[in-house]
Protein backbone atom coordinates (compact mmCIF):
# COMPACT_ATOMS: atom_id res chain seq x y z
CA MET A 1 -41.02 -19.74 -44.29
CA SER A 2 -39.95 -17.41 -41.24
CA LYS A 3 -37.84 -14.23 -41.52
CA LEU A 4 -34.30 -14.89 -41.68
CA ASN A 5 -32.60 -11.98 -39.28
CA PHE A 6 -28.90 -11.00 -40.94
CA PHE A 7 -28.40 -8.04 -38.81
CA SER A 8 -25.01 -7.65 -37.49
CA GLY A 9 -26.55 -7.08 -33.78
CA PRO A 10 -28.72 -7.34 -31.90
CA ALA A 11 -28.78 -10.33 -34.08
CA VAL A 12 -30.42 -13.73 -34.32
CA LEU A 13 -31.06 -15.98 -31.19
CA PRO A 14 -31.75 -19.45 -30.82
CA ASP A 15 -35.28 -20.25 -31.04
CA SER A 16 -35.45 -21.84 -27.57
CA VAL A 17 -33.75 -18.95 -25.83
CA MET A 18 -36.40 -16.97 -27.35
CA GLN A 19 -39.38 -19.55 -26.19
CA GLN A 20 -37.61 -19.42 -22.15
CA ALA A 21 -37.17 -16.02 -22.18
CA ALA A 22 -40.82 -15.12 -23.59
CA ASP A 23 -41.86 -17.79 -20.54
CA ALA A 24 -39.96 -16.13 -18.19
CA ILE A 25 -41.26 -12.89 -18.78
CA HIS A 26 -44.76 -14.22 -17.60
CA ASN A 27 -43.55 -16.44 -14.81
CA PHE A 28 -39.87 -17.01 -13.94
CA ASP A 29 -38.36 -19.96 -12.52
CA ASN A 30 -42.24 -20.68 -11.10
CA THR A 31 -42.15 -17.49 -9.26
CA GLY A 32 -45.15 -16.03 -10.22
CA LEU A 33 -43.35 -13.34 -10.76
CA SER A 34 -41.85 -11.68 -14.13
CA ILE A 35 -37.97 -11.76 -15.12
CA LEU A 36 -38.64 -7.99 -15.45
CA GLU A 37 -39.73 -7.40 -11.92
CA ILE A 38 -37.77 -10.24 -10.14
CA SER A 39 -35.25 -8.45 -7.58
CA HIS A 40 -31.37 -8.80 -8.59
CA ARG A 41 -31.04 -10.05 -5.00
CA SER A 42 -33.60 -13.09 -4.96
CA LYS A 43 -32.09 -16.26 -4.77
CA GLN A 44 -33.54 -16.99 -8.01
CA PHE A 45 -31.63 -14.52 -9.99
CA VAL A 46 -28.41 -15.06 -7.79
CA LYS A 47 -28.53 -18.65 -8.99
CA VAL A 48 -28.91 -17.27 -12.67
CA MET A 49 -25.85 -15.03 -12.30
CA ASP A 50 -23.62 -17.42 -10.55
CA GLU A 51 -24.47 -20.04 -13.24
CA ALA A 52 -23.90 -17.94 -16.29
CA ARG A 53 -20.67 -17.02 -14.93
CA ALA A 54 -19.40 -20.64 -14.05
CA LEU A 55 -21.14 -21.44 -17.78
CA VAL A 56 -18.34 -19.10 -19.51
CA LYS A 57 -15.62 -20.44 -17.35
CA GLU A 58 -16.44 -23.88 -18.34
CA LEU A 59 -16.95 -23.03 -22.27
CA MET A 60 -13.55 -21.57 -22.06
CA GLY A 61 -11.78 -23.80 -20.16
CA LEU A 62 -10.54 -21.08 -17.84
CA ASP A 63 -8.53 -21.99 -14.98
CA ALA A 64 -9.20 -20.72 -11.45
CA ASN A 65 -7.85 -17.24 -11.84
CA TYR A 66 -10.50 -16.01 -13.86
CA GLU A 67 -13.38 -14.09 -12.83
CA VAL A 68 -16.30 -13.43 -15.27
CA LEU A 69 -18.57 -10.06 -14.84
CA PHE A 70 -21.65 -9.12 -16.86
CA LEU A 71 -21.27 -5.17 -16.78
CA HIS A 72 -23.34 -2.03 -18.32
CA GLY A 73 -22.17 0.12 -20.94
CA GLY A 74 -21.84 -1.87 -24.10
CA ALA A 75 -18.43 -2.92 -25.31
CA LEU A 76 -17.56 0.71 -25.90
CA SER A 77 -17.44 1.26 -22.02
CA GLN A 78 -14.39 -1.16 -22.25
CA PHE A 79 -12.91 1.14 -24.70
CA HIS A 80 -12.06 3.25 -21.25
CA MET A 81 -12.19 0.93 -19.15
CA VAL A 82 -9.48 -1.17 -19.89
CA PRO A 83 -6.61 1.42 -20.06
CA MET A 84 -8.06 3.29 -16.44
CA ASN A 85 -7.77 -0.46 -14.88
CA LEU A 86 -4.39 -1.57 -16.53
CA LEU A 87 -2.51 1.32 -17.92
CA ASN A 88 -0.56 3.91 -16.06
CA ALA A 89 0.15 7.37 -17.78
CA ASN A 90 3.83 6.50 -18.13
CA GLU A 91 3.28 3.26 -19.47
CA THR A 92 2.83 2.01 -22.84
CA ALA A 93 0.09 -0.23 -24.61
CA SER A 94 0.23 -1.77 -28.07
CA TYR A 95 -2.84 -2.18 -30.30
CA PHE A 96 -3.68 -3.64 -33.75
CA ASP A 97 -5.92 -0.90 -35.96
CA THR A 98 -7.86 -2.95 -38.43
CA GLY A 99 -11.31 -1.47 -38.02
CA THR A 100 -13.72 1.47 -36.51
CA TRP A 101 -13.67 -0.46 -33.12
CA ALA A 102 -10.35 -1.32 -33.07
CA HIS A 103 -9.35 2.67 -33.93
CA GLY A 104 -12.36 4.11 -31.11
CA ALA A 105 -10.62 1.53 -28.60
CA LEU A 106 -7.01 3.13 -29.01
CA THR A 107 -8.29 6.59 -29.32
CA GLU A 108 -9.76 5.90 -25.44
CA ALA A 109 -6.74 4.75 -24.71
CA LYS A 110 -4.73 7.74 -25.07
CA LEU A 111 -6.64 9.39 -22.77
CA PHE A 112 -4.68 7.34 -19.84
CA GLY A 113 -1.42 6.49 -21.20
CA ASN A 114 0.79 5.89 -24.26
CA VAL A 115 -0.03 4.10 -27.22
CA HIS A 116 1.78 2.17 -29.85
CA ILE A 117 -0.23 1.10 -33.05
CA ALA A 118 1.48 -2.15 -33.66
CA CYS A 119 -0.12 -2.85 -36.96
CA SER A 120 -2.78 -0.95 -39.16
CA SER A 121 -4.86 -2.01 -42.34
CA LYS A 122 -6.32 1.66 -42.35
CA ASP A 123 -4.07 2.22 -45.71
CA LYS A 124 -6.51 0.04 -47.38
CA ASN A 125 -10.00 0.95 -45.42
CA TYR A 126 -9.28 -1.62 -43.11
CA THR A 127 -10.12 -4.47 -45.88
CA TYR A 128 -7.36 -7.25 -44.53
CA ILE A 129 -5.64 -7.96 -41.39
CA PRO A 130 -2.07 -7.13 -41.14
CA ARG A 131 0.39 -9.69 -41.12
CA GLU A 132 2.93 -8.59 -39.09
CA TYR A 133 3.46 -6.71 -36.18
CA ASN A 134 5.26 -5.17 -33.66
CA ILE A 135 4.94 -4.51 -30.14
CA ALA A 136 6.26 -1.52 -27.93
CA THR A 137 9.23 -2.32 -25.32
CA GLY A 138 7.90 -2.74 -22.40
CA ASN A 139 4.55 -3.00 -23.42
CA LYS A 140 1.70 -3.19 -20.49
CA TYR A 141 -0.84 -5.07 -22.62
CA LEU A 142 -1.72 -5.87 -26.67
CA HIS A 143 -5.12 -4.90 -27.42
CA LEU A 144 -6.70 -6.88 -30.41
CA THR A 145 -10.41 -6.60 -32.18
CA SER A 146 -10.81 -10.89 -33.00
CA ASN A 147 -13.62 -9.85 -35.89
CA ASN A 148 -14.40 -6.44 -37.18
CA THR A 149 -17.86 -6.51 -37.58
CA ILE A 150 -18.01 -3.20 -39.88
CA TYR A 151 -15.80 -4.25 -42.74
CA GLY A 152 -15.81 -8.68 -42.03
CA THR A 153 -12.68 -8.97 -41.26
CA GLN A 154 -11.27 -11.43 -38.40
CA ILE A 155 -7.98 -12.71 -37.49
CA ASN A 156 -7.85 -16.05 -38.58
CA THR A 157 -7.19 -19.31 -35.81
CA PRO A 158 -3.92 -20.37 -36.83
CA TYR A 159 -2.70 -16.32 -36.88
CA LEU A 160 -4.79 -15.87 -33.73
CA ASN A 161 -2.83 -18.78 -31.77
CA GLN A 162 0.25 -17.45 -33.04
CA ILE A 163 0.08 -13.97 -31.68
CA ILE A 164 -1.47 -15.16 -28.40
CA ASP A 165 1.35 -17.19 -28.02
CA THR A 166 3.46 -14.92 -25.97
CA ASP A 167 4.50 -13.30 -22.39
CA THR A 168 2.71 -10.09 -23.19
CA PRO A 169 -0.67 -9.86 -21.76
CA ILE A 170 -3.47 -10.19 -24.30
CA VAL A 171 -6.49 -8.20 -23.93
CA CYS A 172 -9.30 -8.72 -26.68
CA ASP A 173 -12.59 -7.24 -27.88
CA MET A 174 -14.38 -10.72 -29.07
CA SER A 175 -17.86 -8.91 -29.44
CA SER A 176 -18.83 -10.70 -32.67
CA ASP A 177 -17.11 -13.90 -32.39
CA ILE A 178 -16.94 -15.08 -28.91
CA PHE A 179 -18.08 -18.72 -28.57
CA SER A 180 -17.47 -18.99 -32.24
CA ARG A 181 -14.42 -21.45 -32.26
CA GLN A 182 -12.21 -23.52 -29.73
CA LEU A 183 -9.01 -21.58 -28.56
CA ASN A 184 -6.93 -21.69 -25.72
CA TYR A 185 -8.41 -18.09 -23.43
CA ASN A 186 -6.23 -18.96 -20.99
CA LYS A 187 -3.95 -17.51 -23.11
CA PHE A 188 -5.68 -14.14 -22.88
CA ALA A 189 -5.45 -11.51 -20.23
CA LEU A 190 -9.08 -9.82 -20.55
CA ILE A 191 -11.61 -10.55 -23.22
CA TYR A 192 -14.82 -8.35 -23.41
CA ALA A 193 -17.39 -8.61 -25.51
CA GLY A 194 -21.11 -6.88 -25.97
CA ALA A 195 -23.29 -9.83 -25.61
CA GLN A 196 -25.94 -9.12 -28.51
CA LYS A 197 -24.30 -10.80 -31.59
CA ASN A 198 -23.30 -14.53 -30.02
CA ALA A 199 -23.94 -14.38 -26.42
CA GLY A 200 -27.90 -13.23 -25.72
CA ALA A 201 -29.39 -9.90 -26.17
CA ALA A 202 -28.63 -6.32 -26.04
CA GLY A 203 -28.07 -4.94 -22.39
CA THR A 204 -24.89 -6.69 -20.84
CA THR A 205 -21.47 -6.46 -21.49
CA MET A 206 -19.30 -9.75 -20.39
CA VAL A 207 -15.63 -9.23 -19.28
CA ILE A 208 -13.65 -12.42 -18.38
CA LEU A 209 -10.50 -11.48 -16.79
CA ASN A 210 -7.05 -13.23 -15.12
CA LYS A 211 -7.22 -11.21 -11.53
CA ASP A 212 -3.31 -11.26 -12.01
CA ILE A 213 -3.40 -8.05 -14.24
CA LEU A 214 -5.46 -5.75 -11.40
CA GLY A 215 -3.75 -4.22 -8.72
CA THR A 216 -1.04 -1.69 -10.71
CA ALA A 217 -3.20 0.98 -11.32
CA LYS A 218 -1.71 4.26 -9.66
CA ARG A 219 -4.85 6.54 -10.18
CA PRO A 220 -8.23 7.00 -8.72
CA ILE A 221 -10.56 4.88 -10.04
CA PRO A 222 -14.54 5.68 -9.90
CA LYS A 223 -16.16 2.69 -8.28
CA MET A 224 -18.20 1.56 -11.22
CA LEU A 225 -15.60 1.57 -13.52
CA ASP A 226 -13.09 -0.72 -11.18
CA TYR A 227 -13.02 -4.31 -11.95
CA SER A 228 -11.78 -5.32 -8.45
CA ARG A 229 -14.96 -3.84 -6.95
CA HIS A 230 -17.16 -5.54 -9.26
CA ILE A 231 -15.29 -8.95 -8.86
CA GLY A 232 -15.59 -8.01 -4.96
CA ALA A 233 -19.32 -7.78 -5.35
CA ASP A 234 -19.83 -10.92 -7.67
CA SER A 235 -21.01 -8.74 -10.65
CA MET A 236 -23.66 -7.29 -8.68
CA LEU A 237 -22.04 -3.85 -7.48
CA ASN A 238 -25.25 -2.17 -8.44
CA THR A 239 -28.59 -3.64 -10.40
CA PRO A 240 -27.44 -5.44 -13.23
CA SER A 241 -29.42 -5.75 -16.41
CA VAL A 242 -31.48 -8.47 -15.01
CA PHE A 243 -32.86 -9.87 -18.48
CA ALA A 244 -29.96 -9.21 -20.72
CA VAL A 245 -27.80 -11.58 -18.52
CA TYR A 246 -30.77 -14.06 -18.33
CA VAL A 247 -30.70 -14.17 -21.90
CA SER A 248 -27.39 -14.59 -21.79
CA TYR A 249 -27.76 -17.62 -19.62
CA LEU A 250 -30.08 -19.18 -21.77
CA THR A 251 -27.57 -18.94 -24.76
CA LEU A 252 -24.79 -20.04 -23.02
CA LYS A 253 -26.95 -23.06 -21.56
CA TRP A 254 -27.32 -23.54 -25.43
CA ILE A 255 -24.12 -23.06 -26.77
CA LYS A 256 -22.96 -25.85 -24.10
CA GLU A 257 -25.64 -28.12 -25.70
CA GLN A 258 -24.35 -27.69 -28.94
CA GLY A 259 -20.82 -27.99 -28.69
CA VAL A 260 -18.45 -24.99 -29.56
CA ALA A 261 -16.57 -27.44 -31.79
CA ASN A 262 -19.74 -28.42 -33.49
CA LEU A 263 -20.45 -24.60 -33.73
CA GLN A 264 -17.11 -23.84 -34.94
CA ALA A 265 -17.55 -26.69 -37.69
CA ALA A 266 -20.84 -25.17 -38.54
CA ASN A 267 -19.61 -21.70 -38.88
CA GLN A 268 -17.10 -22.71 -41.14
CA ARG A 269 -19.71 -24.79 -43.28
CA LYS A 270 -22.01 -21.31 -43.49
CA ALA A 271 -18.83 -19.32 -44.32
CA ASP A 272 -17.32 -21.52 -46.83
CA LYS A 273 -20.73 -21.88 -48.56
CA LEU A 274 -21.63 -17.94 -48.58
CA TYR A 275 -18.23 -16.80 -50.14
CA ALA A 276 -17.84 -19.98 -52.79
CA ALA A 277 -21.70 -18.18 -54.01
CA ILE A 278 -20.04 -14.54 -53.86
CA ASP A 279 -16.85 -15.71 -55.47
CA GLY A 280 -18.80 -17.77 -57.96
CA SER A 281 -21.17 -15.15 -59.34
CA SER A 282 -20.47 -12.39 -61.68
CA LEU A 283 -23.00 -10.08 -59.80
CA TYR A 284 -21.73 -10.25 -56.12
CA LYS A 285 -17.90 -9.32 -55.50
CA GLY A 286 -16.39 -9.87 -51.78
CA THR A 287 -14.61 -7.14 -50.10
CA VAL A 288 -11.80 -8.61 -48.00
CA GLU A 289 -8.35 -9.89 -48.97
CA LYS A 290 -9.50 -14.09 -48.46
CA ASP A 291 -7.31 -14.96 -45.63
CA SER A 292 -8.96 -12.12 -43.58
CA ARG A 293 -12.49 -13.16 -44.08
CA SER A 294 -14.86 -13.24 -41.18
CA GLN A 295 -16.84 -16.20 -40.39
CA MET A 296 -19.42 -13.93 -38.70
CA ASN A 297 -19.99 -10.75 -40.87
CA VAL A 298 -19.56 -11.39 -44.91
CA CYS A 299 -19.62 -8.29 -46.80
CA PHE A 300 -19.81 -7.79 -50.24
CA LEU A 301 -20.88 -5.69 -53.21
CA LEU A 302 -22.90 -5.74 -56.55
CA ASN A 303 -20.68 -4.76 -59.55
CA ASP A 304 -23.45 -3.01 -60.78
CA GLU A 305 -24.52 -0.81 -57.80
CA THR A 306 -27.80 0.86 -59.87
CA LEU A 307 -29.37 -2.56 -58.21
CA ASN A 308 -28.65 -2.43 -55.10
CA ASP A 309 -32.24 -1.00 -53.98
CA LYS A 310 -33.83 -4.10 -56.30
CA PHE A 311 -31.53 -6.58 -54.57
CA ASN A 312 -32.43 -5.45 -50.98
CA ALA A 313 -36.16 -5.25 -51.58
CA TYR A 314 -36.17 -8.54 -53.55
CA ALA A 315 -34.21 -10.28 -50.09
CA GLU A 316 -37.12 -8.61 -48.38
CA GLN A 317 -40.01 -9.88 -50.31
CA HIS A 318 -38.29 -13.34 -49.59
CA ASP A 319 -37.56 -12.66 -45.68
CA VAL A 320 -34.61 -12.20 -46.07
CA LEU A 321 -33.65 -8.83 -43.61
CA GLY A 322 -30.99 -7.26 -42.41
CA LEU A 323 -28.55 -7.39 -45.60
CA LYS A 324 -27.59 -3.57 -45.77
CA GLY A 325 -24.00 -2.91 -44.63
CA HIS A 326 -22.99 -0.68 -42.16
CA ARG A 327 -23.80 3.25 -43.25
CA SER A 328 -20.04 3.56 -43.10
CA VAL A 329 -19.07 1.60 -46.25
CA GLY A 330 -22.72 0.58 -47.73
CA GLY A 331 -22.72 -2.78 -49.91
CA PHE A 332 -23.86 -5.68 -48.04
CA ARG A 333 -23.50 -7.65 -44.97
CA ALA A 334 -24.77 -11.14 -44.24
CA SER A 335 -24.31 -11.81 -40.62
CA ILE A 336 -23.92 -15.38 -39.94
CA TYR A 337 -23.67 -15.72 -35.93
CA ASN A 338 -23.89 -19.20 -33.95
CA ALA A 339 -27.57 -19.10 -34.02
CA MET A 340 -28.00 -18.60 -37.54
CA PRO A 341 -29.10 -22.04 -38.80
CA GLU A 342 -27.11 -23.46 -42.19
CA SER A 343 -30.68 -23.68 -43.51
CA GLY A 344 -31.02 -20.02 -43.22
CA VAL A 345 -27.47 -19.45 -45.37
CA ASP A 346 -29.00 -21.93 -47.93
CA THR A 347 -31.78 -19.74 -48.50
CA LEU A 348 -29.92 -16.53 -48.66
CA ILE A 349 -27.52 -18.22 -51.47
CA GLU A 350 -30.72 -19.12 -53.05
CA VAL A 351 -32.60 -15.91 -53.09
CA MET A 352 -28.98 -13.96 -54.34
CA LYS A 353 -28.58 -16.80 -57.44
CA GLU A 354 -32.42 -16.21 -58.13
CA PHE A 355 -31.92 -12.35 -57.99
CA GLU A 356 -28.60 -12.67 -60.25
CA ARG A 357 -30.61 -14.73 -62.86
CA MET A 358 -33.63 -11.75 -63.22
CA ALA A 359 -30.74 -8.95 -63.25
């Protein structure tokens, strides 16, 4: 059995993507050069960039007013780029405070304008998604974090559809659930995501934005932080992360081959199986309210925490890797992104059951 990667990110990639990326390291597109040394201005890589951006628009069903960028700096860089480009000092933006990264985003936004907390689950250590929220009067945009990787919460699809059915511009950090389900992406003003969970390798960040939201910032914006400048340069204002963009391109092609609807159905099956195993156990217990459970990051504890190290060691002995929870919350977390096969989840469940029988 090959090793199973349940790490939260950098995360599991499809086997076919891994093979194509490995081949390109030796010979990219029959150029005789490695993807690691090819010029980003070469016609071969420009084609990759253009097709990757087009694939994002196709997979999301976006209209012509949207632009797709591949930028540096990870999703954390968007915590300040978003308000720098969209929020003036005398304006207010509303934020959902639903986890570590959501809180980090609103904290950064306070450097540029006023922040209104539309709702917060901090009172219960971010173990649920609030069902009531309020948006500030004269609100510039509403910022969401669709999936909270550390805590294993997610804005479920019906509730997310309800939230985005508004005239308020919606900004969303989709770093850990992008391309995992079908949504009306034209309802979002701006989406950003680090690629290393569902959309490729670490090193590039996708930004998808409606051009209508730009042009109102009254502050000077440094060149490398200005969305408009990146759009004007076709996402090559400086040398992009060539290899990371290429892996994202391969991953996007794989997603198209699979079909987002099929991936969504598979993600539902995987999550349902794993949560059922946890709920039916006397050793394992979930950490998140059921209507807020993530389909991407399944967090759980052992009722007997003295067995934590033994369980982790047992899992690793059976080639099940990456189950330790985030250092800030402990416990365990199985990240079951698009590329995690259903058979991998079946193996994890069997390992959990075997350990419980032994405990």
